[in-house]
């Protein structure tokens, strides 16, 4: 489907474009017809070279895009945490986390943890 270009001299960005648009509007120059579908089909033909259509071209493309380094297979590892149910383990863990230099500053103290443990016990 061919479309006709309808130039507007007021929208031209350069002086040459403005002159061409004025000449087309006055009839001095022929209006251009553009077939977008045909242009797109032609562009698709140009996007693949003749060499790429041959077996040698396919082999060259495969070699060009092949990985250069060997990637080892991922090893699956499982870790199991042993449940102890001992509150002292959690207390030690809280001390380790609270004293971490790379983590944010914490306002949790040992006394606060002891109070929380005491409040968590049934009466």
N, C-alpha and C. Protein backbone atom coordinates (compact mmCIF):
# COMPACT_ATOMS: atom_id res chain seq x y z
N UNK A 1 0.85 -1.16 0.00
CA UNK A 1 0.00 0.00 0.00
C UNK A 1 0.90 1.24 0.00
N UNK A 2 0.78 2.02 -1.02
CA UNK A 2 1.62 3.22 -1.15
C UNK A 2 0.91 4.41 -0.53
N UNK A 3 1.66 5.17 0.23
CA UNK A 3 1.15 6.39 0.83
C UNK A 3 1.82 7.57 0.15
N UNK A 4 1.10 8.67 0.02
CA UNK A 4 1.65 9.88 -0.57
C UNK A 4 2.12 10.80 0.53
N UNK A 5 3.33 11.33 0.38
CA UNK A 5 3.87 12.27 1.35
C UNK A 5 3.23 13.62 1.11
N UNK A 6 2.73 14.23 2.17
CA UNK A 6 2.13 15.56 2.08
C UNK A 6 2.97 16.50 2.93
N UNK A 7 3.96 17.14 2.33
CA UNK A 7 4.85 18.00 3.11
C UNK A 7 4.20 19.31 3.53
N UNK A 8 4.63 19.76 4.70
CA UNK A 8 4.16 21.04 5.21
C UNK A 8 5.39 21.94 5.36
N UNK A 9 5.49 23.01 4.59
CA UNK A 9 6.67 23.88 4.67
C UNK A 9 6.89 24.46 6.07
N UNK A 10 5.86 24.64 6.85
CA UNK A 10 5.99 25.22 8.19
C UNK A 10 6.64 24.25 9.18
N UNK A 11 6.61 22.95 8.88
CA UNK A 11 7.18 21.95 9.78
C UNK A 11 8.59 21.52 9.38
N UNK A 12 9.11 22.08 8.29
CA UNK A 12 10.43 21.70 7.81
C UNK A 12 11.49 22.18 8.80
N UNK A 13 12.50 21.33 9.02
CA UNK A 13 13.52 21.66 10.00
C UNK A 13 14.72 22.38 9.40
N UNK A 14 14.91 22.27 8.08
CA UNK A 14 16.03 22.95 7.44
C UNK A 14 15.51 23.79 6.28
N UNK A 15 16.35 24.68 5.78
CA UNK A 15 15.95 25.54 4.66
C UNK A 15 15.73 24.70 3.40
N UNK A 16 16.59 23.71 3.17
CA UNK A 16 16.41 22.84 2.00
C UNK A 16 15.10 22.07 2.07
N UNK A 17 14.77 21.58 3.25
CA UNK A 17 13.53 20.84 3.42
C UNK A 17 12.33 21.76 3.21
N UNK A 18 12.45 23.00 3.65
CA UNK A 18 11.37 23.96 3.46
C UNK A 18 11.17 24.26 1.98
N UNK A 19 12.27 24.46 1.23
CA UNK A 19 12.16 24.71 -0.21
C UNK A 19 11.55 23.52 -0.93
N UNK A 20 11.97 22.31 -0.56
CA UNK A 20 11.42 21.12 -1.21
C UNK A 20 9.93 20.99 -0.90
N UNK A 21 9.54 21.25 0.33
CA UNK A 21 8.12 21.18 0.71
C UNK A 21 7.30 22.22 -0.04
N UNK A 22 7.84 23.44 -0.18
CA UNK A 22 7.12 24.48 -0.94
C UNK A 22 6.98 24.10 -2.40
N UNK A 23 8.04 23.53 -2.99
CA UNK A 23 7.97 23.12 -4.40
C UNK A 23 6.97 21.99 -4.59
N UNK A 24 6.89 21.07 -3.64
CA UNK A 24 5.92 19.98 -3.75
C UNK A 24 4.51 20.51 -3.57
N UNK A 25 4.33 21.45 -2.65
CA UNK A 25 2.99 22.01 -2.41
C UNK A 25 2.53 22.83 -3.61
N UNK A 26 3.46 23.51 -4.30
CA UNK A 26 3.06 24.33 -5.45
C UNK A 26 2.92 23.50 -6.72
N UNK A 27 3.41 22.26 -6.71
CA UNK A 27 3.29 21.41 -7.89
C UNK A 27 4.52 21.42 -8.77
N UNK A 28 5.55 22.17 -8.40
CA UNK A 28 6.78 22.20 -9.20
C UNK A 28 7.53 20.87 -9.11
N UNK A 29 7.45 20.24 -7.96
CA UNK A 29 8.07 18.93 -7.78
C UNK A 29 6.97 17.90 -7.58
N UNK A 30 7.27 16.66 -8.04
CA UNK A 30 6.32 15.58 -7.93
C UNK A 30 6.28 15.08 -6.47
N UNK A 31 5.09 14.78 -5.96
CA UNK A 31 4.95 14.23 -4.61
C UNK A 31 5.48 12.80 -4.60
N UNK A 32 6.18 12.47 -3.56
CA UNK A 32 6.77 11.14 -3.45
C UNK A 32 5.74 10.14 -2.93
N UNK A 33 5.78 8.94 -3.49
CA UNK A 33 4.93 7.86 -2.99
C UNK A 33 5.83 6.89 -2.25
N UNK A 34 5.39 6.46 -1.08
CA UNK A 34 6.17 5.57 -0.23
C UNK A 34 5.34 4.32 0.05
N UNK A 35 5.93 3.16 -0.23
CA UNK A 35 5.28 1.89 0.07
C UNK A 35 6.00 1.27 1.26
N UNK A 36 5.45 1.48 2.44
CA UNK A 36 6.10 1.03 3.67
C UNK A 36 6.24 -0.49 3.73
N UNK A 37 5.22 -1.20 3.26
CA UNK A 37 5.28 -2.67 3.31
C UNK A 37 6.39 -3.21 2.42
N UNK A 38 6.52 -2.65 1.22
CA UNK A 38 7.58 -3.10 0.31
C UNK A 38 8.95 -2.72 0.86
N UNK A 39 9.06 -1.55 1.43
CA UNK A 39 10.34 -1.14 2.02
C UNK A 39 10.73 -2.05 3.18
N UNK A 40 9.75 -2.44 3.98
CA UNK A 40 10.04 -3.33 5.11
C UNK A 40 10.49 -4.70 4.60
N UNK A 41 9.81 -5.22 3.58
CA UNK A 41 10.19 -6.51 3.01
C UNK A 41 11.60 -6.45 2.42
N UNK A 42 11.94 -5.35 1.77
CA UNK A 42 13.29 -5.19 1.21
C UNK A 42 14.33 -5.11 2.32
N UNK A 43 13.99 -4.44 3.38
CA UNK A 43 14.92 -4.33 4.50
C UNK A 43 15.19 -5.70 5.13
N UNK A 44 14.17 -6.54 5.17
CA UNK A 44 14.35 -7.89 5.70
C UNK A 44 15.31 -8.69 4.84
N UNK A 45 15.26 -8.49 3.53
CA UNK A 45 16.18 -9.18 2.63
C UNK A 45 17.61 -8.73 2.87
N UNK A 46 17.80 -7.44 3.14
CA UNK A 46 19.15 -6.91 3.36
C UNK A 46 19.69 -7.24 4.74
N UNK A 47 18.83 -7.65 5.67
CA UNK A 47 19.30 -7.90 7.03
C UNK A 47 20.12 -9.19 7.13
N UNK A 48 20.03 -10.07 6.15
CA UNK A 48 20.80 -11.31 6.12
C UNK A 48 21.64 -11.30 4.86
N UNK A 49 22.95 -11.46 5.02
CA UNK A 49 23.82 -11.44 3.85
C UNK A 49 23.76 -12.76 3.10
N UNK A 50 24.24 -12.77 1.87
CA UNK A 50 24.25 -13.98 1.05
C UNK A 50 25.14 -15.06 1.67
N UNK A 51 26.22 -14.63 2.33
CA UNK A 51 27.13 -15.59 2.96
C UNK A 51 26.42 -16.32 4.09
N UNK A 52 25.56 -15.62 4.83
CA UNK A 52 24.87 -16.24 5.95
C UNK A 52 23.86 -17.30 5.51
N UNK A 53 23.48 -17.26 4.26
CA UNK A 53 22.52 -18.25 3.74
C UNK A 53 23.20 -19.55 3.34
N UNK A 54 24.51 -19.61 3.34
CA UNK A 54 25.25 -20.80 2.96
C UNK A 54 25.66 -21.58 4.21
N UNK A 55 25.99 -22.86 4.06
CA UNK A 55 26.46 -23.63 5.23
C UNK A 55 27.74 -23.06 5.84
N UNK A 56 28.62 -22.50 5.01
CA UNK A 56 29.84 -21.91 5.53
C UNK A 56 29.52 -20.68 6.39
N UNK A 57 28.56 -19.90 5.95
CA UNK A 57 28.16 -18.72 6.72
C UNK A 57 27.53 -19.11 8.04
N UNK A 58 26.74 -20.18 8.03
CA UNK A 58 26.12 -20.65 9.27
C UNK A 58 27.19 -21.14 10.24
N UNK A 59 28.20 -21.83 9.70
CA UNK A 59 29.30 -22.31 10.56
C UNK A 59 30.09 -21.14 11.12
N UNK A 60 30.32 -20.11 10.29
CA UNK A 60 31.06 -18.93 10.76
C UNK A 60 30.26 -18.20 11.84
N UNK A 61 28.96 -18.10 11.66
CA UNK A 61 28.12 -17.44 12.68
C UNK A 61 28.13 -18.24 13.97
N UNK A 62 28.10 -19.57 13.86
CA UNK A 62 28.15 -20.41 15.05
C UNK A 62 29.47 -20.23 15.78
N UNK A 63 30.57 -20.17 15.03
CA UNK A 63 31.88 -20.00 15.64
C UNK A 63 32.01 -18.62 16.29
N UNK A 64 31.42 -17.61 15.67
CA UNK A 64 31.52 -16.25 16.21
C UNK A 64 30.73 -16.08 17.49
N UNK A 65 29.64 -16.82 17.61
CA UNK A 65 28.79 -16.65 18.79
C UNK A 65 28.98 -17.75 19.83
N UNK A 66 29.93 -18.66 19.59
CA UNK A 66 30.17 -19.75 20.54
C UNK A 66 30.79 -19.20 21.82
N UNK A 67 30.47 -19.81 22.97
CA UNK A 67 31.08 -19.34 24.22
C UNK A 67 32.58 -19.59 24.21
N UNK A 68 33.32 -18.67 24.78
CA UNK A 68 34.78 -18.78 24.78
C UNK A 68 35.31 -19.49 26.02
N UNK A 69 34.51 -19.56 27.06
CA UNK A 69 34.95 -20.18 28.30
C UNK A 69 34.00 -21.30 28.67
N UNK A 70 34.57 -22.32 29.29
CA UNK A 70 33.75 -23.42 29.75
C UNK A 70 33.09 -23.06 31.07
N UNK A 71 31.81 -23.30 31.16
CA UNK A 71 31.07 -23.00 32.39
C UNK A 71 30.78 -24.32 33.09
N UNK A 72 31.27 -24.48 34.31
CA UNK A 72 31.03 -25.75 35.01
C UNK A 72 29.55 -25.87 35.40
N UNK A 73 29.15 -27.11 35.53
CA UNK A 73 27.78 -27.38 35.96
C UNK A 73 27.62 -26.96 37.43
N UNK A 74 26.46 -26.48 37.76
CA UNK A 74 26.19 -26.06 39.13
C UNK A 74 26.05 -27.29 40.02
N UNK A 75 26.63 -27.19 41.19
CA UNK A 75 26.52 -28.28 42.15
C UNK A 75 25.42 -27.95 43.16
N UNK A 76 24.59 -28.91 43.40
CA UNK A 76 23.51 -28.68 44.35
C UNK A 76 24.00 -29.06 45.74
N UNK A 77 23.85 -28.14 46.65
CA UNK A 77 24.27 -28.38 48.03
C UNK A 77 23.07 -28.19 48.94
N UNK A 78 23.00 -29.04 49.92
CA UNK A 78 21.92 -28.91 50.90
C UNK A 78 22.52 -28.67 52.27
N UNK A 79 21.88 -27.83 53.03
CA UNK A 79 22.32 -27.51 54.38
C UNK A 79 21.16 -27.78 55.33
N UNK A 80 21.45 -28.50 56.36
CA UNK A 80 20.40 -28.79 57.33
C UNK A 80 20.77 -28.15 58.67
N UNK A 81 19.86 -27.41 59.22
CA UNK A 81 20.07 -26.81 60.54
C UNK A 81 19.52 -27.76 61.59
N UNK A 82 20.31 -28.00 62.58
CA UNK A 82 19.90 -28.91 63.65
C UNK A 82 19.10 -28.12 64.68
N UNK A 83 17.88 -28.51 64.88
CA UNK A 83 17.02 -27.84 65.86
C UNK A 83 17.41 -28.32 67.26
N UNK A 84 17.78 -27.38 68.13
CA UNK A 84 18.18 -27.75 69.48
C UNK A 84 17.10 -27.42 70.50
N UNK A 85 16.35 -26.38 70.28
CA UNK A 85 15.34 -25.97 71.24
C UNK A 85 15.93 -25.36 72.49
N UNK A 86 17.21 -25.06 72.49
CA UNK A 86 17.89 -24.50 73.65
C UNK A 86 17.92 -22.98 73.51
N UNK A 87 17.31 -22.23 74.45
CA UNK A 87 17.30 -20.78 74.33
C UNK A 87 18.69 -20.14 74.40
N UNK A 88 19.64 -20.83 75.02
CA UNK A 88 21.00 -20.28 75.08
C UNK A 88 21.63 -20.16 73.70
N UNK A 89 21.26 -21.07 72.79
CA UNK A 89 21.78 -20.98 71.42
C UNK A 89 21.31 -19.69 70.77
N UNK A 90 20.05 -19.35 70.99
CA UNK A 90 19.52 -18.12 70.40
C UNK A 90 20.15 -16.89 71.05
N UNK A 91 20.43 -16.99 72.33
CA UNK A 91 21.06 -15.88 73.04
C UNK A 91 22.47 -15.64 72.49
N UNK A 92 23.21 -16.72 72.24
CA UNK A 92 24.55 -16.59 71.65
C UNK A 92 24.47 -16.00 70.24
N UNK A 93 23.48 -16.45 69.49
CA UNK A 93 23.31 -15.93 68.13
C UNK A 93 22.99 -14.44 68.15
N UNK A 94 22.14 -14.02 69.09
CA UNK A 94 21.79 -12.61 69.20
C UNK A 94 23.00 -11.78 69.59
N UNK A 95 23.87 -12.33 70.41
CA UNK A 95 25.09 -11.60 70.79
C UNK A 95 26.00 -11.42 69.58
N UNK A 96 26.11 -12.47 68.76
CA UNK A 96 26.96 -12.39 67.56
C UNK A 96 26.43 -11.35 66.58
N UNK A 97 25.14 -11.34 66.36
CA UNK A 97 24.55 -10.41 65.41
C UNK A 97 24.60 -8.99 65.96
N UNK A 98 24.35 -8.82 67.24
CA UNK A 98 24.35 -7.50 67.83
C UNK A 98 25.72 -6.86 67.84
N UNK A 99 26.78 -7.67 67.88
CA UNK A 99 28.14 -7.14 67.92
C UNK A 99 28.79 -7.04 66.56
N UNK A 100 28.02 -7.22 65.49
CA UNK A 100 28.59 -7.20 64.15
C UNK A 100 28.99 -5.77 63.76
N UNK A 101 30.20 -5.62 63.25
CA UNK A 101 30.67 -4.29 62.84
C UNK A 101 30.17 -3.90 61.46
N UNK A 102 29.82 -4.89 60.65
CA UNK A 102 29.39 -4.58 59.29
C UNK A 102 27.89 -4.33 59.19
N UNK A 103 27.14 -4.68 60.19
CA UNK A 103 25.70 -4.47 60.18
C UNK A 103 25.36 -3.14 60.84
N UNK A 104 24.10 -2.78 60.79
CA UNK A 104 23.65 -1.53 61.39
C UNK A 104 23.76 -1.56 62.91
N UNK A 105 23.73 -0.41 63.49
CA UNK A 105 23.84 -0.29 64.95
C UNK A 105 22.54 -0.78 65.57
N UNK A 106 22.67 -1.54 66.64
CA UNK A 106 21.50 -2.11 67.29
C UNK A 106 21.42 -1.57 68.72
N UNK A 107 20.21 -1.37 69.20
CA UNK A 107 20.03 -0.92 70.57
C UNK A 107 19.57 -2.09 71.46
N UNK A 108 19.77 -3.32 70.99
CA UNK A 108 19.39 -4.49 71.77
C UNK A 108 20.57 -4.86 72.66
N UNK A 109 20.31 -4.93 73.95
CA UNK A 109 21.37 -5.29 74.91
C UNK A 109 21.08 -6.67 75.48
N UNK A 110 22.05 -7.20 76.20
CA UNK A 110 21.87 -8.50 76.84
C UNK A 110 20.74 -8.46 77.85
N UNK A 111 20.63 -7.36 78.58
CA UNK A 111 19.55 -7.24 79.58
C UNK A 111 18.19 -7.26 78.90
N UNK A 112 18.09 -6.59 77.76
CA UNK A 112 16.82 -6.55 77.04
C UNK A 112 16.44 -7.95 76.55
N UNK A 113 17.40 -8.71 76.11
CA UNK A 113 17.13 -10.07 75.65
C UNK A 113 16.69 -10.94 76.82
N UNK A 114 17.35 -10.80 77.96
CA UNK A 114 16.98 -11.57 79.15
C UNK A 114 15.55 -11.26 79.60
N UNK A 115 15.19 -9.96 79.56
CA UNK A 115 13.84 -9.56 79.92
C UNK A 115 12.82 -10.16 78.95
N UNK A 116 13.17 -10.18 77.65
CA UNK A 116 12.26 -10.75 76.66
C UNK A 116 12.08 -12.24 76.88
N UNK A 117 13.16 -12.93 77.22
CA UNK A 117 13.05 -14.34 77.50
C UNK A 117 12.22 -14.61 78.74
N UNK A 118 12.37 -13.78 79.77
CA UNK A 118 11.60 -13.95 80.99
C UNK A 118 10.11 -13.69 80.73
N UNK A 119 9.81 -12.69 79.93
CA UNK A 119 8.41 -12.40 79.63
C UNK A 119 7.80 -13.46 78.75
N UNK A 120 8.61 -14.16 77.98
CA UNK A 120 8.09 -15.21 77.10
C UNK A 120 7.80 -16.51 77.81
N UNK A 121 8.26 -16.64 79.05
CA UNK A 121 8.01 -17.87 79.80
C UNK A 121 6.59 -17.86 80.37
N UNK A 122 5.91 -19.01 80.34
CA UNK A 122 4.58 -19.06 80.95
C UNK A 122 4.69 -18.94 82.47
N UNK A 123 3.70 -18.33 83.08
CA UNK A 123 3.75 -18.09 84.54
C UNK A 123 3.11 -19.16 85.32
